[in-house]
Amino acid sequence: MTALQVVPGWPKQRGGVKHAGRIEMAGKRAVVTGAARGIGLATTKLLIEEGWTVAMIDRDRPALEEASRDIDRDGIGRAEPFFCDVSIADQVEEMVGGVLARFGGIDAVVNNAGVADFAPIERTGFEQWRTVMATNLDGVFLVSQAALPALRQSRGCIVNIASISGLRGSTLRIAYGTSKAAVIQLTRQQAAELGEYGIRANCVCPGPVRTKLAMAVHTQEIIDAYHDAIPLNRYGSEREIAEVIAFLCSGRASYVTGQVIAADGGFESTGVGLPALRRANAGGD
């Protein structure tokens, strides 16, 4: 297998016409990294529903193949998977070249790929630190950089996925939280420097999201604590985060750039002591 490989059998004819190795599409074209599961997969499905053609990027071959087959079985089509580790520059360059060869352009890049390795500061080794930074921060830089010529041509947009952990400190997140805070600043730099080309850059910071992984590792005590701390009293869904991402990719957000949006049920706004205050005021005016 090469560093980049399109899943055999793709692209499908549905949604476009294959011509000289390229898919000619009437709609917009997006690159979504970390698209095999979670928020990336939910975003892929929503963009397709809204008429986009999506290049699904992931380094997990089995998960990507399964997600691709599921989309095809659902009958919505208009997606093509590409294997790529976004932390490896050569693979990113090859992936972007492959997307351009297939789609003819890129209108939006959603930098969603990320890894988490939670540990206390004193037990976080440098290798752990670099592994998190390589995907969460380097990957955002590399994919955005490689796609810039295409985005300049289309006057497209970048949506980077950070985290509530990049906005507020939390235990066990020395590498993860720092990487996401850096993504927020990278987004602002992109907006400041790329606006003259008509390229918008924005950042979404999800709060606690009800993913399969989260529900598998969060005890009831953790779930209850999050519910207490979040004004909307619940986890978000992958679809809800995807809705914010899709909006920022769309023409409806044509004058929105350099913004950091916490899709977190109000978690980041609560500060200290809200759960106790809520309990104290329960049933009051």
Protein backbone atom coordinates (compact mmCIF):
# COMPACT_ATOMS: atom_id res chain seq x y z
CA MET A 1 0.00 0.00 0.00
CA THR A 2 1.29 3.46 -0.82
CA ALA A 3 1.24 6.30 1.68
CA LEU A 4 -2.04 7.35 0.13
CA GLN A 5 -4.53 4.96 -1.36
CA VAL A 6 -8.08 5.44 -2.52
CA VAL A 7 -10.34 2.64 -1.37
CA PRO A 8 -10.82 0.21 -4.29
CA GLY A 9 -14.09 0.71 -6.10
CA TRP A 10 -14.24 4.45 -5.47
CA PRO A 11 -15.34 6.88 -6.78
CA LYS A 12 -18.90 5.83 -7.37
CA GLN A 13 -20.82 7.13 -10.34
CA ARG A 14 -23.62 8.49 -8.16
CA GLY A 15 -23.41 12.25 -7.72
CA GLY A 16 -20.98 12.93 -10.53
CA VAL A 17 -19.52 11.83 -13.81
CA LYS A 18 -16.10 10.25 -13.96
CA HIS A 19 -14.14 11.86 -16.76
CA ALA A 20 -10.40 11.55 -17.41
CA GLY A 21 -9.78 10.55 -13.80
CA ARG A 22 -11.76 13.44 -12.38
CA ILE A 23 -15.20 13.70 -10.83
CA GLU A 24 -17.07 16.67 -12.28
CA MET A 25 -19.36 17.96 -9.55
CA ALA A 26 -21.86 20.78 -9.58
CA GLY A 27 -21.62 21.43 -5.83
CA LYS A 28 -18.90 22.47 -3.42
CA ARG A 29 -15.98 20.21 -2.52
CA ALA A 30 -14.74 19.64 1.02
CA VAL A 31 -11.84 17.85 2.65
CA VAL A 32 -12.71 16.42 6.08
CA THR A 33 -9.92 14.87 8.14
CA GLY A 34 -10.62 12.29 10.82
CA ALA A 35 -13.71 11.40 8.81
CA ALA A 36 -14.00 7.72 9.69
CA ARG A 37 -15.93 8.23 12.91
CA GLY A 38 -17.34 10.70 15.39
CA ILE A 39 -17.62 14.38 14.55
CA GLY A 40 -15.74 13.93 11.27
CA LEU A 41 -18.16 11.30 10.02
CA ALA A 42 -21.18 13.29 11.17
CA THR A 43 -19.82 16.34 9.37
CA THR A 44 -19.22 14.32 6.21
CA LYS A 45 -22.80 13.06 6.18
CA LEU A 46 -24.28 16.49 6.82
CA LEU A 47 -22.19 18.19 4.13
CA ILE A 48 -23.24 15.51 1.65
CA GLU A 49 -26.88 16.09 2.59
CA GLU A 50 -26.33 19.78 1.83
CA GLY A 51 -24.96 19.02 -1.63
CA TRP A 52 -21.23 18.91 -1.01
CA THR A 53 -18.80 16.34 -2.36
CA VAL A 54 -16.50 15.19 0.44
CA ALA A 55 -13.00 13.74 0.49
CA MET A 56 -12.96 11.59 3.62
CA ILE A 57 -9.46 11.56 5.13
CA ASP A 58 -8.33 9.13 7.81
CA ARG A 59 -5.38 6.91 8.71
CA ASP A 60 -7.54 4.08 10.07
CA ARG A 61 -8.13 1.96 6.98
CA PRO A 62 -10.73 -0.49 8.36
CA ALA A 63 -12.80 2.29 9.96
CA LEU A 64 -12.60 4.44 6.83
CA GLU A 65 -13.64 1.58 4.57
CA GLU A 66 -16.58 0.75 6.84
CA ALA A 67 -17.70 4.39 7.03
CA SER A 68 -17.45 4.70 3.25
CA ARG A 69 -19.52 1.57 2.70
CA ASP A 70 -22.14 2.78 5.16
CA ILE A 71 -22.48 6.09 3.34
CA ASP A 72 -22.81 4.26 0.04
CA ARG A 73 -25.43 1.88 1.48
CA ASP A 74 -27.38 4.85 2.79
CA GLY A 75 -27.66 6.00 -0.79
CA ILE A 76 -26.30 9.50 -0.26
CA GLY A 77 -23.03 8.95 -2.14
CA ARG A 78 -20.87 11.93 -3.09
CA ALA A 79 -17.92 10.90 -0.91
CA GLU A 80 -14.53 9.43 -1.63
CA PRO A 81 -12.14 8.09 1.02
CA PHE A 82 -8.40 8.75 1.08
CA PHE A 83 -5.89 7.17 3.46
CA CYS A 84 -3.55 9.72 4.96
CA ASP A 85 -1.76 10.40 8.22
CA VAL A 86 -2.09 14.17 8.54
CA SER A 87 1.03 14.37 10.72
CA ILE A 88 3.26 13.24 7.81
CA ALA A 89 3.99 16.02 5.33
CA ASP A 90 4.63 13.80 2.31
CA GLN A 91 1.35 11.96 2.78
CA VAL A 92 -0.54 15.23 3.14
CA GLU A 93 0.92 16.60 -0.10
CA GLU A 94 0.03 13.39 -1.90
CA MET A 95 -3.47 13.35 -0.45
CA VAL A 96 -4.23 16.93 -1.50
CA GLY A 97 -2.88 16.19 -4.96
CA GLY A 98 -5.14 13.16 -5.16
CA VAL A 99 -8.19 15.14 -4.07
CA LEU A 100 -7.51 17.82 -6.67
CA ALA A 101 -7.03 15.19 -9.37
CA ARG A 102 -10.43 13.69 -8.50
CA PHE A 103 -12.50 16.74 -7.61
CA GLY A 104 -10.78 19.51 -9.55
CA GLY A 105 -10.71 21.87 -6.59
CA ILE A 106 -11.27 22.37 -2.87
CA ASP A 107 -13.80 24.79 -1.39
CA ALA A 108 -13.50 23.89 2.29
CA VAL A 109 -11.06 22.14 4.60
CA VAL A 110 -12.32 20.77 7.91
CA ASN A 111 -9.33 19.93 10.11
CA ASN A 112 -10.95 17.48 12.50
CA ALA A 113 -8.33 14.72 12.90
CA GLY A 114 -7.05 14.50 16.44
CA VAL A 115 -5.72 12.21 19.14
CA ALA A 116 -6.03 12.34 22.91
CA ASP A 117 -3.57 11.02 25.46
CA PHE A 118 -4.64 12.09 28.93
CA ALA A 119 -2.09 11.97 31.74
CA PRO A 120 -0.84 14.13 34.62
CA ILE A 121 1.94 16.61 33.82
CA GLU A 122 4.57 14.67 35.73
CA ARG A 123 3.72 11.45 33.90
CA THR A 124 3.50 12.89 30.39
CA GLY A 125 6.61 11.86 28.47
CA PHE A 126 8.00 13.88 25.61
CA GLU A 127 7.08 11.14 23.14
CA GLN A 128 3.45 11.37 24.30
CA TRP A 129 3.61 15.16 23.98
CA ARG A 130 5.00 15.01 20.44
CA THR A 131 2.48 12.37 19.34
CA VAL A 132 -0.42 14.59 20.38
CA MET A 133 1.12 17.72 18.87
CA ALA A 134 1.99 15.95 15.61
CA THR A 135 -1.64 15.17 14.79
CA ASN A 136 -3.58 17.86 16.63
CA LEU A 137 -1.41 20.84 15.67
CA ASP A 138 1.06 19.84 12.96
CA GLY A 139 -1.72 18.09 11.02
CA VAL A 140 -3.86 21.24 10.97
CA PHE A 141 -0.91 23.28 9.73
CA LEU A 142 0.14 20.75 7.09
CA VAL A 143 -3.30 20.12 5.59
CA SER A 144 -4.19 23.81 5.54
CA GLN A 145 -0.84 24.73 3.98
CA ALA A 146 -1.10 22.07 1.28
CA ALA A 147 -4.65 23.14 0.38
CA LEU A 148 -3.92 26.88 0.24
CA PRO A 149 -3.38 27.16 -3.53
CA ALA A 150 -6.73 25.46 -4.15
CA LEU A 151 -8.46 27.54 -1.48
CA ARG A 152 -7.08 30.74 -2.99
CA GLN A 153 -8.52 29.74 -6.34
CA SER A 154 -11.94 28.93 -4.88
CA ARG A 155 -11.90 31.68 -2.21
CA GLY A 156 -12.75 28.88 0.15
CA CYS A 157 -12.65 28.35 3.88
CA ILE A 158 -10.91 26.50 6.70
CA VAL A 159 -12.69 25.17 9.78
CA ASN A 160 -10.37 23.91 12.49
CA ILE A 161 -11.73 21.70 15.28
CA ALA A 162 -10.17 22.51 18.63
CA SER A 163 -11.83 21.74 21.97
CA ILE A 164 -13.24 23.27 25.12
CA SER A 165 -9.94 22.01 26.57
CA GLY A 166 -8.19 24.68 24.51
CA LEU A 167 -10.29 27.40 26.17
CA ARG A 168 -10.13 26.33 29.79
CA GLY A 169 -7.67 24.34 31.86
CA SER A 170 -8.50 20.82 32.94
CA THR A 171 -6.79 17.95 34.68
CA LEU A 172 -4.84 15.36 32.66
CA ARG A 173 -4.83 17.48 29.48
CA ILE A 174 -1.37 19.04 29.45
CA ALA A 175 -0.65 17.88 25.89
CA TYR A 176 -4.18 17.72 24.53
CA GLY A 177 -5.34 21.05 25.94
CA THR A 178 -2.16 22.84 24.89
CA SER A 179 -2.42 21.47 21.36
CA LYS A 180 -6.02 22.67 21.07
CA ALA A 181 -5.18 26.12 22.44
CA ALA A 182 -2.51 26.34 19.75
CA VAL A 183 -5.07 25.40 17.09
CA ILE A 184 -7.20 28.34 18.24
CA GLN A 185 -4.30 30.76 17.77
CA LEU A 186 -3.37 29.15 14.45
CA THR A 187 -6.93 29.81 13.28
CA ARG A 188 -6.63 33.48 14.16
CA GLN A 189 -3.33 33.69 12.28
CA GLN A 190 -4.92 32.05 9.25
CA ALA A 191 -7.84 34.48 9.31
CA ALA A 192 -5.56 37.49 9.62
CA GLU A 193 -3.22 36.45 6.82
CA LEU A 194 -5.56 34.76 4.36
CA GLY A 195 -8.48 37.17 4.34
CA GLU A 196 -6.94 39.17 1.51
CA TYR A 197 -7.35 36.06 -0.67
CA GLY A 198 -11.00 35.69 0.29
CA ILE A 199 -10.23 32.68 2.49
CA ARG A 200 -12.13 32.47 5.77
CA ALA A 201 -10.78 30.58 8.80
CA ASN A 202 -12.81 29.73 11.88
CA CYS A 203 -12.53 27.37 14.83
CA VAL A 204 -15.08 25.16 16.57
CA CYS A 205 -14.46 24.08 20.16
CA PRO A 206 -16.71 21.16 21.07
CA GLY A 207 -17.56 20.57 24.69
CA PRO A 208 -18.46 17.13 26.04
CA VAL A 209 -19.98 15.13 23.19
CA ARG A 210 -21.91 11.87 23.48
CA THR A 211 -19.66 9.67 21.39
CA LYS A 212 -19.37 5.91 21.68
CA LEU A 213 -15.89 6.28 23.16
CA ALA A 214 -16.98 8.84 25.74
CA MET A 215 -19.92 6.75 26.85
CA ALA A 216 -17.67 3.69 27.14
CA VAL A 217 -15.16 5.38 29.46
CA HIS A 218 -17.26 7.94 31.37
CA THR A 219 -18.66 6.59 34.60
CA GLN A 220 -22.08 7.71 35.80
CA GLU A 221 -20.31 9.96 38.31
CA ILE A 222 -18.44 11.71 35.47
CA ILE A 223 -21.60 12.01 33.40
CA ASP A 224 -23.48 13.54 36.35
CA ALA A 225 -20.62 15.99 37.00
CA TYR A 226 -20.64 17.17 33.39
CA HIS A 227 -24.42 17.57 33.46
CA ASP A 228 -24.10 19.68 36.59
CA ALA A 229 -21.47 21.93 35.01
CA ILE A 230 -23.18 22.42 31.63
CA PRO A 231 -26.04 24.95 31.57
CA LEU A 232 -27.98 22.84 29.05
CA ASN A 233 -27.54 19.88 31.44
CA ARG A 234 -26.47 17.36 28.81
CA TYR A 235 -23.77 16.22 26.45
CA GLY A 236 -23.86 17.45 22.87
CA SER A 237 -24.30 15.14 19.91
CA GLU A 238 -21.94 14.64 17.00
CA ARG A 239 -24.65 15.99 14.69
CA GLU A 240 -24.96 19.20 16.71
CA ILE A 241 -21.24 19.89 16.32
CA ALA A 242 -21.47 19.05 12.62
CA GLU A 243 -24.25 21.62 12.21
CA VAL A 244 -21.92 24.39 13.42
CA ILE A 245 -19.12 23.19 11.15
CA ALA A 246 -21.43 23.01 8.12
CA PHE A 247 -22.69 26.53 8.80
CA LEU A 248 -19.14 27.89 8.88
CA CYS A 249 -18.40 26.13 5.58
CA SER A 250 -21.48 27.58 3.94
CA GLY A 251 -22.20 30.86 2.23
CA ARG A 252 -24.37 31.77 5.22
CA ALA A 253 -21.12 32.48 7.07
CA SER A 254 -19.59 34.51 4.25
CA TYR A 255 -18.65 37.41 6.57
CA VAL A 256 -17.52 35.26 9.49
CA THR A 257 -13.79 34.70 9.92
CA GLY A 258 -11.28 34.52 12.76
CA GLN A 259 -13.97 33.35 15.16
CA VAL A 260 -13.77 30.72 17.89
CA ILE A 261 -17.15 29.13 18.57
CA ALA A 262 -17.61 26.94 21.64
CA ALA A 263 -20.31 24.39 20.80
CA ASP A 264 -20.50 23.23 24.39
CA GLY A 265 -23.94 23.79 25.88
CA GLY A 266 -22.59 26.82 27.74
CA PHE A 267 -19.85 24.88 29.54
CA GLU A 268 -17.09 27.43 28.86
CA SER A 269 -19.21 30.32 30.10
CA THR A 270 -20.06 28.94 33.52
CA GLY A 271 -16.91 29.79 35.47
CA VAL A 272 -16.55 28.54 39.04
CA GLY A 273 -19.32 27.47 41.38
CA LEU A 274 -22.27 27.23 39.01
CA PRO A 275 -23.35 23.69 40.00
CA ALA A 276 -23.57 24.66 43.68
CA LEU A 277 -25.39 27.89 42.85
CA ARG A 278 -27.83 26.01 40.66
CA ARG A 279 -28.61 23.56 43.44
CA ALA A 280 -28.97 26.39 45.98
CA ASN A 281 -31.43 28.19 43.73
CA ALA A 282 -33.37 25.16 42.60
CA GLY A 283 -37.06 25.89 42.83
CA GLY A 284 -36.49 29.62 43.38
CA ASP A 285 -37.69 32.57 41.32
